Amino acid sequence: MQLRRWRSPRVPGSGTIEPLDYARGAIAFLMGGGTVVAVVLWLTGIEPRALLLAGTLWALYGLILGILNGVLEPLVDFLARVLGDVGLLSPGAGFSEMETLAARGEYAFAAERYRERAQQEPRARAEATVRRAALLTGPLGSPEQAVMELEALRDSGRLSPADDILVGLALADIHEHRLNDSGRAMTELRRLLDQYPRSHHTRRIRRTLALLRQEHFGGAGGPGGAGVVNAAGR
């Protein structure tokens, strides 16, 4: 198995709040407050038409959230990816040296360079560790070591939401397809859903979790070779 790269859905270094979360919170506060006021005006009879305002506010709330989740956030993801690729967001973030070593069959050396990169550059820590885990799980034949390192990083408390999702999906993939531990794979996916219910990756994670449940408990699963990690932007 080869873990495919899950692109970060946020600009590196933006803290632990996902993009546009503040906007979502402000919109919910304003629209929710306006709706409450409108309903109170309608119930008290001060303004009988206020109920129409409440309905309009809720419709606007749904529309604005749809724009945020379906347009603006993917746009932020795309711009972050483009800027990162040209070196404007994270200088030196490429992994061409390690990829070249792996292409030559020098897997152990490449894995060690990924480890050094993870230690030296906090911004690249999650992706370097996941790429190292791909080598450990695949050609180096040490999936248990990969899980141990990914779990240590996950439990360190130093990950942004996007990096935590990256690591969690890698863990789920290894548990499901290398260690044959579907229970732990589903537990990891459930953790991501519970912790990041507003991420724009939620639908994909939820669908993957449902497929695993169907495969193992519903008796009508999909193809056995389908991977848990289905990378975006690759």
Foldseek 3Di string as FASTA:
>chain_A
DFFDFAQFLAQFPPPQDGPCPVVLVVLCVVLVVLLVVLVVCCVVVVDVCSNVVNVVSVVVNVVVLCCVLVPVSVVNSVVSVVCVVVCNRPHPLDLVVLVVCVVVVVLVVSLVVLVVCLVPDVRNNLVSLLNSCSSCVPVVPNNVVSLVVLVCVLPPPSDHLRSNVRSLLSNLQCCVPPVVNNVVSLVSLVVNCVVCVPHSCNVVSVVLSVLSCCVVPVVDHDDSPDTSDDHPPD
